[in-house]
Amino acid sequence: MSAATDLIDRYALGPSTLEYAVYGLSEEHLRARPGPGLWSLAELVSHLADSDAVASDRMKRVIAEPEPTLLAYDENAWNDRLRMQEAPLDQAVALFAANRRWTERILRNCTDADFARAGNHTEKGRVTLAELVAMYVGHLDYHLKFLYGKRANLGVAIQPRYTYPIV
């Protein structure tokens, strides 16, 4: 198995991992703001859906365009101005899942040369397609720590389920 195939496999596990992590949450749980972090669970999951949509756009630009500019965005402004506290969990999870599946299809058709292509992120500088995919695999993992911590603090903890080895 190539490194790219392994990375895509991990990326593709994101929807089932997120669906498991939010299973059984009530509206009250979704809107509460327990630590860790400042966001509610609704805001956190909405951020994951939005950031993955942005990630997919960045990946497609890197694949299709020569050295594209990849714009940064203010996640807190998106959260506040787009009223993510009110976002429906089922729609955020569905968007995350559909986007990951769509992007997975694209990634599975990429060559090693495609994974070496790069864009210029307005904050991070040069970033390759392989680095973008790895970044967003890690992004979900990073936020799952907060999600499980919030669940525990709300008294609705579940055992984290990892379907791939943590490196």
N, C-alpha and C. Protein backbone atom coordinates (compact mmCIF):
# COMPACT_ATOMS: atom_id res chain seq x y z
N MET A 1 0.85 -1.18 0.00
CA MET A 1 0.00 0.00 0.00
C MET A 1 0.90 1.24 0.00
N SER A 2 0.62 2.16 -0.89
CA SER A 2 1.43 3.38 -0.97
C SER A 2 1.04 4.33 0.16
N ALA A 3 1.92 5.28 0.43
CA ALA A 3 1.66 6.28 1.46
C ALA A 3 0.40 7.08 1.12
N ALA A 4 0.21 7.39 -0.16
CA ALA A 4 -0.98 8.15 -0.57
C ALA A 4 -2.24 7.33 -0.34
N THR A 5 -2.20 6.04 -0.65
CA THR A 5 -3.38 5.18 -0.46
C THR A 5 -3.73 5.11 1.02
N ASP A 6 -2.73 4.94 1.88
CA ASP A 6 -2.96 4.89 3.31
C ASP A 6 -3.56 6.20 3.81
N LEU A 7 -3.05 7.31 3.34
CA LEU A 7 -3.55 8.62 3.73
C LEU A 7 -5.00 8.82 3.28
N ILE A 8 -5.30 8.42 2.06
CA ILE A 8 -6.68 8.53 1.56
C ILE A 8 -7.61 7.63 2.37
N ASP A 9 -7.14 6.43 2.71
CA ASP A 9 -7.96 5.52 3.52
C ASP A 9 -8.30 6.16 4.87
N ARG A 10 -7.32 6.80 5.49
CA ARG A 10 -7.56 7.48 6.77
C ARG A 10 -8.52 8.66 6.58
N TYR A 11 -8.35 9.41 5.52
CA TYR A 11 -9.24 10.53 5.20
C TYR A 11 -10.68 10.02 5.03
N ALA A 12 -10.82 8.90 4.36
CA ALA A 12 -12.15 8.34 4.06
C ALA A 12 -12.87 7.83 5.30
N LEU A 13 -12.17 7.57 6.38
CA LEU A 13 -12.80 7.12 7.62
C LEU A 13 -13.44 8.27 8.39
N GLY A 14 -13.18 9.48 7.99
CA GLY A 14 -13.70 10.65 8.71
C GLY A 14 -15.20 10.65 8.93
N PRO A 15 -16.03 10.38 7.91
CA PRO A 15 -17.47 10.43 8.14
C PRO A 15 -17.97 9.46 9.21
N SER A 16 -17.53 8.22 9.15
CA SER A 16 -18.01 7.26 10.15
C SER A 16 -17.47 7.61 11.54
N THR A 17 -16.26 8.14 11.60
CA THR A 17 -15.68 8.54 12.88
C THR A 17 -16.49 9.69 13.49
N LEU A 18 -16.83 10.69 12.69
CA LEU A 18 -17.61 11.82 13.19
C LEU A 18 -19.03 11.39 13.56
N GLU A 19 -19.65 10.57 12.72
CA GLU A 19 -21.01 10.09 13.02
C GLU A 19 -21.05 9.36 14.36
N TYR A 20 -20.06 8.53 14.63
CA TYR A 20 -19.98 7.83 15.91
C TYR A 20 -19.80 8.83 17.06
N ALA A 21 -18.94 9.80 16.87
CA ALA A 21 -18.60 10.74 17.94
C ALA A 21 -19.78 11.61 18.38
N VAL A 22 -20.73 11.87 17.50
CA VAL A 22 -21.87 12.73 17.85
C VAL A 22 -23.14 11.94 18.13
N TYR A 23 -23.07 10.62 18.08
CA TYR A 23 -24.26 9.79 18.26
C TYR A 23 -24.93 10.05 19.61
N GLY A 24 -26.23 10.23 19.57
CA GLY A 24 -27.03 10.31 20.78
C GLY A 24 -27.03 11.64 21.50
N LEU A 25 -26.53 12.68 20.88
CA LEU A 25 -26.51 13.99 21.53
C LEU A 25 -27.88 14.67 21.41
N SER A 26 -28.33 15.26 22.49
CA SER A 26 -29.59 16.00 22.48
C SER A 26 -29.35 17.44 22.03
N GLU A 27 -30.43 18.15 21.74
CA GLU A 27 -30.33 19.57 21.39
C GLU A 27 -29.68 20.34 22.53
N GLU A 28 -30.02 20.01 23.76
CA GLU A 28 -29.44 20.68 24.92
C GLU A 28 -27.92 20.48 24.96
N HIS A 29 -27.48 19.25 24.69
CA HIS A 29 -26.05 18.97 24.66
C HIS A 29 -25.36 19.75 23.55
N LEU A 30 -26.00 19.82 22.40
CA LEU A 30 -25.40 20.48 21.24
C LEU A 30 -25.19 21.97 21.46
N ARG A 31 -26.07 22.60 22.21
CA ARG A 31 -26.03 24.06 22.37
C ARG A 31 -25.23 24.50 23.60
N ALA A 32 -24.94 23.57 24.51
CA ALA A 32 -24.17 23.91 25.72
C ALA A 32 -22.72 24.21 25.33
N ARG A 33 -22.03 24.94 26.19
CA ARG A 33 -20.63 25.31 25.90
C ARG A 33 -19.71 24.86 27.04
N PRO A 34 -19.64 23.57 27.30
CA PRO A 34 -18.70 23.11 28.31
C PRO A 34 -17.28 23.13 27.74
N GLY A 35 -16.30 23.19 28.60
CA GLY A 35 -14.93 23.03 28.11
C GLY A 35 -14.71 21.59 27.72
N PRO A 36 -13.63 21.29 27.08
CA PRO A 36 -12.54 22.18 26.70
C PRO A 36 -12.90 23.01 25.46
N GLY A 37 -12.31 24.17 25.37
CA GLY A 37 -12.58 25.07 24.26
C GLY A 37 -13.82 25.91 24.52
N LEU A 38 -14.04 26.90 23.67
CA LEU A 38 -15.13 27.85 23.87
C LEU A 38 -16.39 27.51 23.09
N TRP A 39 -16.27 26.74 22.02
CA TRP A 39 -17.42 26.47 21.17
C TRP A 39 -18.32 25.40 21.75
N SER A 40 -19.58 25.43 21.33
CA SER A 40 -20.51 24.35 21.64
C SER A 40 -20.21 23.18 20.71
N LEU A 41 -20.84 22.06 20.97
CA LEU A 41 -20.70 20.91 20.06
C LEU A 41 -21.27 21.24 18.68
N ALA A 42 -22.37 21.98 18.64
CA ALA A 42 -22.94 22.38 17.34
C ALA A 42 -21.94 23.22 16.56
N GLU A 43 -21.29 24.15 17.23
CA GLU A 43 -20.31 25.01 16.58
C GLU A 43 -19.09 24.21 16.13
N LEU A 44 -18.65 23.29 16.97
CA LEU A 44 -17.49 22.47 16.63
C LEU A 44 -17.75 21.62 15.40
N VAL A 45 -18.91 20.95 15.36
CA VAL A 45 -19.22 20.09 14.21
C VAL A 45 -19.46 20.93 12.95
N SER A 46 -20.07 22.09 13.12
CA SER A 46 -20.26 22.99 11.97
C SER A 46 -18.92 23.46 11.43
N HIS A 47 -17.98 23.74 12.33
CA HIS A 47 -16.63 24.12 11.91
C HIS A 47 -15.99 22.99 11.11
N LEU A 48 -16.14 21.76 11.57
CA LEU A 48 -15.57 20.63 10.83
C LEU A 48 -16.17 20.54 9.43
N ALA A 49 -17.48 20.74 9.31
CA ALA A 49 -18.12 20.70 7.99
C ALA A 49 -17.61 21.82 7.10
N ASP A 50 -17.55 23.03 7.64
CA ASP A 50 -17.07 24.16 6.85
C ASP A 50 -15.60 24.01 6.47
N SER A 51 -14.77 23.65 7.43
CA SER A 51 -13.34 23.56 7.15
C SER A 51 -13.05 22.46 6.14
N ASP A 52 -13.82 21.37 6.18
CA ASP A 52 -13.61 20.33 5.19
C ASP A 52 -14.05 20.77 3.80
N ALA A 53 -15.10 21.60 3.73
CA ALA A 53 -15.51 22.15 2.43
C ALA A 53 -14.41 23.05 1.87
N VAL A 54 -13.81 23.86 2.73
CA VAL A 54 -12.69 24.71 2.32
C VAL A 54 -11.51 23.83 1.89
N ALA A 55 -11.24 22.80 2.67
CA ALA A 55 -10.12 21.89 2.36
C ALA A 55 -10.30 21.25 1.00
N SER A 56 -11.51 20.79 0.73
CA SER A 56 -11.79 20.17 -0.56
C SER A 56 -11.54 21.14 -1.71
N ASP A 57 -11.98 22.38 -1.53
CA ASP A 57 -11.72 23.40 -2.55
C ASP A 57 -10.22 23.58 -2.75
N ARG A 58 -9.48 23.66 -1.66
CA ARG A 58 -8.03 23.83 -1.76
C ARG A 58 -7.39 22.64 -2.49
N MET A 59 -7.80 21.44 -2.14
CA MET A 59 -7.23 20.24 -2.78
C MET A 59 -7.51 20.24 -4.27
N LYS A 60 -8.74 20.55 -4.65
CA LYS A 60 -9.10 20.56 -6.07
C LYS A 60 -8.33 21.64 -6.82
N ARG A 61 -8.12 22.78 -6.20
CA ARG A 61 -7.34 23.84 -6.85
C ARG A 61 -5.90 23.38 -7.07
N VAL A 62 -5.32 22.73 -6.06
CA VAL A 62 -3.94 22.25 -6.20
C VAL A 62 -3.85 21.21 -7.32
N ILE A 63 -4.82 20.35 -7.43
CA ILE A 63 -4.82 19.32 -8.48
C ILE A 63 -4.99 19.96 -9.86
N ALA A 64 -5.90 20.92 -9.97
CA ALA A 64 -6.31 21.43 -11.27
C ALA A 64 -5.58 22.69 -11.75
N GLU A 65 -5.05 23.51 -10.85
CA GLU A 65 -4.49 24.79 -11.23
C GLU A 65 -2.99 24.84 -10.91
N PRO A 66 -2.24 25.58 -11.69
CA PRO A 66 -0.81 25.71 -11.39
C PRO A 66 -0.57 26.68 -10.22
N GLU A 67 0.02 26.17 -9.14
CA GLU A 67 0.41 26.99 -7.97
C GLU A 67 -0.70 27.95 -7.53
N PRO A 68 -1.89 27.45 -7.23
CA PRO A 68 -2.99 28.36 -6.85
C PRO A 68 -2.75 29.01 -5.49
N THR A 69 -3.40 30.13 -5.30
CA THR A 69 -3.42 30.78 -3.99
C THR A 69 -4.53 30.14 -3.17
N LEU A 70 -4.20 29.75 -1.95
CA LEU A 70 -5.16 29.10 -1.05
C LEU A 70 -5.43 30.07 0.10
N LEU A 71 -6.63 30.63 0.11
CA LEU A 71 -6.96 31.67 1.06
C LEU A 71 -7.20 31.12 2.46
N ALA A 72 -6.63 31.81 3.45
CA ALA A 72 -6.95 31.53 4.84
C ALA A 72 -8.31 32.15 5.15
N TYR A 73 -8.90 31.74 6.27
CA TYR A 73 -10.16 32.36 6.69
C TYR A 73 -10.19 32.41 8.21
N ASP A 74 -11.03 33.25 8.75
CA ASP A 74 -11.16 33.44 10.18
C ASP A 74 -12.27 32.53 10.69
N GLU A 75 -11.89 31.40 11.28
CA GLU A 75 -12.87 30.41 11.72
C GLU A 75 -13.81 30.96 12.80
N ASN A 76 -13.32 31.83 13.65
CA ASN A 76 -14.19 32.42 14.68
C ASN A 76 -15.21 33.36 14.06
N ALA A 77 -14.81 34.12 13.06
CA ALA A 77 -15.76 35.00 12.37
C ALA A 77 -16.82 34.17 11.65
N TRP A 78 -16.40 33.09 11.01
CA TRP A 78 -17.37 32.22 10.35
C TRP A 78 -18.35 31.67 11.38
N ASN A 79 -17.83 31.22 12.50
CA ASN A 79 -18.67 30.66 13.54
C ASN A 79 -19.70 31.69 14.01
N ASP A 80 -19.24 32.89 14.29
CA ASP A 80 -20.12 33.92 14.83
C ASP A 80 -21.06 34.48 13.77
N ARG A 81 -20.51 34.93 12.65
CA ARG A 81 -21.32 35.62 11.64
C ARG A 81 -22.27 34.69 10.88
N LEU A 82 -21.90 33.41 10.79
CA LEU A 82 -22.75 32.44 10.09
C LEU A 82 -23.69 31.71 11.04
N ARG A 83 -23.67 32.11 12.30
CA ARG A 83 -24.60 31.63 13.33
C ARG A 83 -24.57 30.10 13.47
N MET A 84 -23.38 29.57 13.63
CA MET A 84 -23.22 28.13 13.72
C MET A 84 -23.81 27.53 15.00
N GLN A 85 -24.03 28.35 16.03
CA GLN A 85 -24.66 27.85 17.25
C GLN A 85 -26.06 27.32 16.94
N GLU A 86 -26.67 27.82 15.87
CA GLU A 86 -28.02 27.41 15.49
C GLU A 86 -28.04 26.31 14.43
N ALA A 87 -26.88 25.90 13.96
CA ALA A 87 -26.81 24.94 12.85
C ALA A 87 -27.33 23.57 13.26
N PRO A 88 -28.09 22.92 12.39
CA PRO A 88 -28.58 21.57 12.68
C PRO A 88 -27.45 20.55 12.55
N LEU A 89 -27.28 19.75 13.57
CA LEU A 89 -26.21 18.76 13.61
C LEU A 89 -26.29 17.80 12.43
N ASP A 90 -27.48 17.31 12.12
CA ASP A 90 -27.61 16.32 11.05
C ASP A 90 -27.14 16.87 9.71
N GLN A 91 -27.41 18.15 9.45
CA GLN A 91 -26.97 18.74 8.19
C GLN A 91 -25.46 18.93 8.16
N ALA A 92 -24.88 19.33 9.29
CA ALA A 92 -23.42 19.50 9.35
C ALA A 92 -22.71 18.16 9.14
N VAL A 93 -23.20 17.12 9.79
CA VAL A 93 -22.59 15.80 9.63
C VAL A 93 -22.78 15.29 8.20
N ALA A 94 -23.95 15.51 7.63
CA ALA A 94 -24.22 15.07 6.25
C ALA A 94 -23.31 15.80 5.26
N LEU A 95 -23.12 17.11 5.46
CA LEU A 95 -22.24 17.87 4.58
C LEU A 95 -20.81 17.36 4.69
N PHE A 96 -20.34 17.16 5.92
CA PHE A 96 -19.00 16.64 6.14
C PHE A 96 -18.83 15.30 5.41
N ALA A 97 -19.80 14.39 5.59
CA ALA A 97 -19.72 13.06 5.00
C ALA A 97 -19.76 13.11 3.48
N ALA A 98 -20.69 13.87 2.92
CA ALA A 98 -20.81 13.95 1.46
C ALA A 98 -19.55 14.56 0.85
N ASN A 99 -19.03 15.60 1.48
CA ASN A 99 -17.84 16.26 0.96
C ASN A 99 -16.63 15.33 1.01
N ARG A 100 -16.48 14.61 2.14
CA ARG A 100 -15.34 13.68 2.24
C ARG A 100 -15.45 12.58 1.18
N ARG A 101 -16.63 12.06 0.97
CA ARG A 101 -16.80 10.99 -0.03
C ARG A 101 -16.52 11.51 -1.44
N TRP A 102 -16.97 12.71 -1.74
CA TRP A 102 -16.74 13.31 -3.06
C TRP A 102 -15.25 13.54 -3.28
N THR A 103 -14.61 14.09 -2.28
CA THR A 103 -13.18 14.39 -2.39
C THR A 103 -12.36 13.11 -2.41
N GLU A 104 -12.77 12.11 -1.65
CA GLU A 104 -12.07 10.81 -1.68
C GLU A 104 -12.03 10.26 -3.11
N ARG A 105 -13.15 10.35 -3.81
CA ARG A 105 -13.20 9.86 -5.19
C ARG A 105 -12.16 10.56 -6.04
N ILE A 106 -12.07 11.86 -5.88
CA ILE A 106 -11.09 12.64 -6.64
C ILE A 106 -9.67 12.22 -6.27
N LEU A 107 -9.39 12.10 -4.98
CA LEU A 107 -8.05 11.76 -4.52
C LEU A 107 -7.61 10.38 -5.00
N ARG A 108 -8.54 9.45 -5.05
CA ARG A 108 -8.19 8.08 -5.49
C ARG A 108 -7.79 8.03 -6.96
N ASN A 109 -8.15 9.07 -7.71
CA ASN A 109 -7.77 9.14 -9.13
C ASN A 109 -6.48 9.93 -9.36
N CYS A 110 -5.88 10.41 -8.29
CA CYS A 110 -4.66 11.21 -8.41
C CYS A 110 -3.42 10.33 -8.55
N THR A 111 -2.43 10.88 -9.22
CA THR A 111 -1.14 10.22 -9.38
C THR A 111 -0.19 10.71 -8.30
N ASP A 112 0.96 10.05 -8.20
CA ASP A 112 1.99 10.53 -7.27
C ASP A 112 2.40 11.95 -7.61
N ALA A 113 2.44 12.27 -8.90
CA ALA A 113 2.79 13.64 -9.32
C ALA A 113 1.74 14.64 -8.83
N ASP A 114 0.48 14.24 -8.82
CA ASP A 114 -0.57 15.13 -8.31
C ASP A 114 -0.35 15.42 -6.82
N PHE A 115 0.03 14.40 -6.05
CA PHE A 115 0.23 14.59 -4.62
C PHE A 115 1.44 15.49 -4.33
N ALA A 116 2.32 15.64 -5.30
CA ALA A 116 3.48 16.53 -5.14
C ALA A 116 3.16 17.97 -5.58
N ARG A 117 2.03 18.17 -6.27
CA ARG A 117 1.65 19.52 -6.70
C ARG A 117 1.40 20.37 -5.46
N ALA A 118 1.55 21.69 -5.62
CA ALA A 118 1.43 22.57 -4.45
C ALA A 118 0.67 23.85 -4.79
N GLY A 119 0.17 24.44 -3.73
CA GLY A 119 -0.43 25.76 -3.79
C GLY A 119 0.25 26.63 -2.75
N ASN A 120 -0.10 27.90 -2.75
CA ASN A 120 0.49 28.86 -1.81
C ASN A 120 -0.58 29.35 -0.85
N HIS A 121 -0.52 28.84 0.38
CA HIS A 121 -1.47 29.23 1.41
C HIS A 121 -1.09 30.62 1.91
N THR A 122 -2.09 31.48 2.10
CA THR A 122 -1.82 32.87 2.45
C THR A 122 -1.22 33.03 3.85
N GLU A 123 -1.29 32.01 4.68
CA GLU A 123 -0.65 32.06 6.01
C GLU A 123 0.48 31.04 6.17
N LYS A 124 0.32 29.86 5.56
CA LYS A 124 1.27 28.77 5.78
C LYS A 124 2.34 28.67 4.70
N GLY A 125 2.15 29.36 3.59
CA GLY A 125 3.10 29.26 2.50
C GLY A 125 2.82 28.06 1.61
N ARG A 126 3.88 27.54 1.02
CA ARG A 126 3.74 26.43 0.06
C ARG A 126 3.26 25.17 0.76
N VAL A 127 2.23 24.54 0.18
CA VAL A 127 1.68 23.31 0.74
C VAL A 127 1.30 22.38 -0.40
N THR A 128 1.71 21.11 -0.30
CA THR A 128 1.42 20.13 -1.34
C THR A 128 0.06 19.48 -1.10
N LEU A 129 -0.43 18.79 -2.11
CA LEU A 129 -1.68 18.05 -1.97
C LEU A 129 -1.55 17.01 -0.86
N ALA A 130 -0.45 16.28 -0.82
CA ALA A 130 -0.25 15.29 0.24
C ALA A 130 -0.30 15.95 1.61
N GLU A 131 0.31 17.11 1.75
CA GLU A 131 0.30 17.81 3.03
C GLU A 131 -1.11 18.28 3.39
N LEU A 132 -1.88 18.72 2.41
CA LEU A 132 -3.26 19.13 2.67
C LEU A 132 -4.10 17.96 3.18
N VAL A 133 -3.98 16.82 2.53
CA VAL A 133 -4.77 15.66 2.97
C VAL A 133 -4.37 15.28 4.39
N ALA A 134 -3.09 15.21 4.66
CA ALA A 134 -2.61 14.87 6.02
C ALA A 134 -3.09 15.91 7.03
N MET A 135 -3.08 17.17 6.64
CA MET A 135 -3.52 18.25 7.53
C MET A 135 -4.97 18.05 7.95
N TYR A 136 -5.82 17.64 7.01
CA TYR A 136 -7.24 17.51 7.33
C TYR A 136 -7.58 16.18 7.99
N VAL A 137 -6.78 15.16 7.80
CA VAL A 137 -6.91 13.96 8.63
C VAL A 137 -6.62 14.35 10.08
N GLY A 138 -5.53 15.08 10.29
CA GLY A 138 -5.15 15.54 11.62
C GLY A 138 -6.12 16.55 12.21
N HIS A 139 -6.73 17.36 11.36
CA HIS A 139 -7.69 18.37 11.82
C HIS A 139 -8.88 17.71 12.50
N LEU A 140 -9.41 16.66 11.91
CA LEU A 140 -10.52 15.94 12.53
C LEU A 140 -10.06 15.34 13.86
N ASP A 141 -8.92 14.68 13.88
CA ASP A 141 -8.40 14.09 15.12
C ASP A 141 -8.27 15.15 16.21
N TYR A 142 -7.73 16.30 15.86
CA TYR A 142 -7.54 17.39 16.81
C TYR A 142 -8.87 17.79 17.44
N HIS A 143 -9.89 18.00 16.62
CA HIS A 143 -11.18 18.45 17.14
C HIS A 143 -11.95 17.35 17.85
N LEU A 144 -11.68 16.09 17.51
CA LEU A 144 -12.34 15.00 18.24
C LEU A 144 -11.95 14.99 19.71
N LYS A 145 -10.72 15.39 20.03
CA LYS A 145 -10.31 15.48 21.43
C LYS A 145 -11.22 16.45 22.19
N PHE A 146 -11.51 17.60 21.57
CA PHE A 146 -12.41 18.56 22.20
C PHE A 146 -13.83 17.99 22.28
N LEU A 147 -14.29 17.37 21.21
CA LEU A 147 -15.64 16.82 21.18
C LEU A 147 -15.83 15.79 22.29
N TYR A 148 -14.89 14.85 22.42
CA TYR A 148 -15.02 13.84 23.47
C TYR A 148 -14.89 14.45 24.86
N GLY A 149 -14.05 15.46 25.02
CA GLY A 149 -13.94 16.15 26.30
C GLY A 149 -15.22 16.86 26.68
N LYS A 150 -15.85 17.51 25.72
CA LYS A 150 -17.13 18.19 25.96
C LYS A 150 -18.20 17.18 26.33
N ARG A 151 -18.24 16.06 25.61
CA ARG A 151 -19.23 15.01 25.94
C ARG A 151 -19.04 14.55 27.38
N ALA A 152 -17.79 14.32 27.77
CA ALA A 152 -17.52 13.86 29.14
C ALA A 152 -17.99 14.91 30.15
N ASN A 153 -17.72 16.17 29.88
CA ASN A 153 -18.13 17.23 30.80
C ASN A 153 -19.64 17.43 30.85
N LEU A 154 -20.34 16.99 29.83
CA LEU A 154 -21.80 17.04 29.82
C LEU A 154 -22.41 15.78 30.42
N GLY A 155 -21.58 14.80 30.75
CA GLY A 155 -22.08 13.55 31.32
C GLY A 155 -22.62 12.58 30.28
N VAL A 156 -22.23 12.74 29.02
CA VAL A 156 -22.69 11.85 27.95
C VAL A 156 -21.50 11.28 27.18
N ALA A 157 -20.48 10.91 27.95
CA ALA A 157 -19.26 10.39 27.33
C ALA A 157 -19.52 9.07 26.64
N ILE A 158 -18.79 8.85 25.57
CA ILE A 158 -18.71 7.56 24.91
C ILE A 158 -17.23 7.27 24.72
N GLN A 159 -16.92 6.02 24.54
CA GLN A 159 -15.53 5.63 24.34
C GLN A 159 -15.07 6.06 22.95
N PRO A 160 -13.99 6.85 22.87
CA PRO A 160 -13.47 7.17 21.52
C PRO A 160 -13.19 5.91 20.73
N ARG A 161 -13.57 5.94 19.47
CA ARG A 161 -13.36 4.79 18.60
C ARG A 161 -12.44 5.21 17.48
N TYR A 162 -11.28 4.63 17.47
CA TYR A 162 -10.33 4.91 16.40
C TYR A 162 -10.30 3.71 15.49
N THR A 163 -10.53 3.97 14.21
CA THR A 163 -10.58 2.88 13.25
C THR A 163 -9.30 2.80 12.44
N TYR A 164 -8.28 3.55 12.84
CA TYR A 164 -6.99 3.49 12.18
C TYR A 164 -5.94 3.78 13.23
N PRO A 165 -4.74 3.35 13.00
CA PRO A 165 -3.69 3.58 14.00
C PRO A 165 -3.36 5.07 14.14
N ILE A 166 -3.20 5.50 15.35
CA ILE A 166 -2.81 6.88 15.62
C ILE A 166 -1.29 6.94 15.51
N VAL A 167 -0.79 7.86 14.71
CA VAL A 167 0.65 8.01 14.55
C VAL A 167 1.13 9.30 15.15
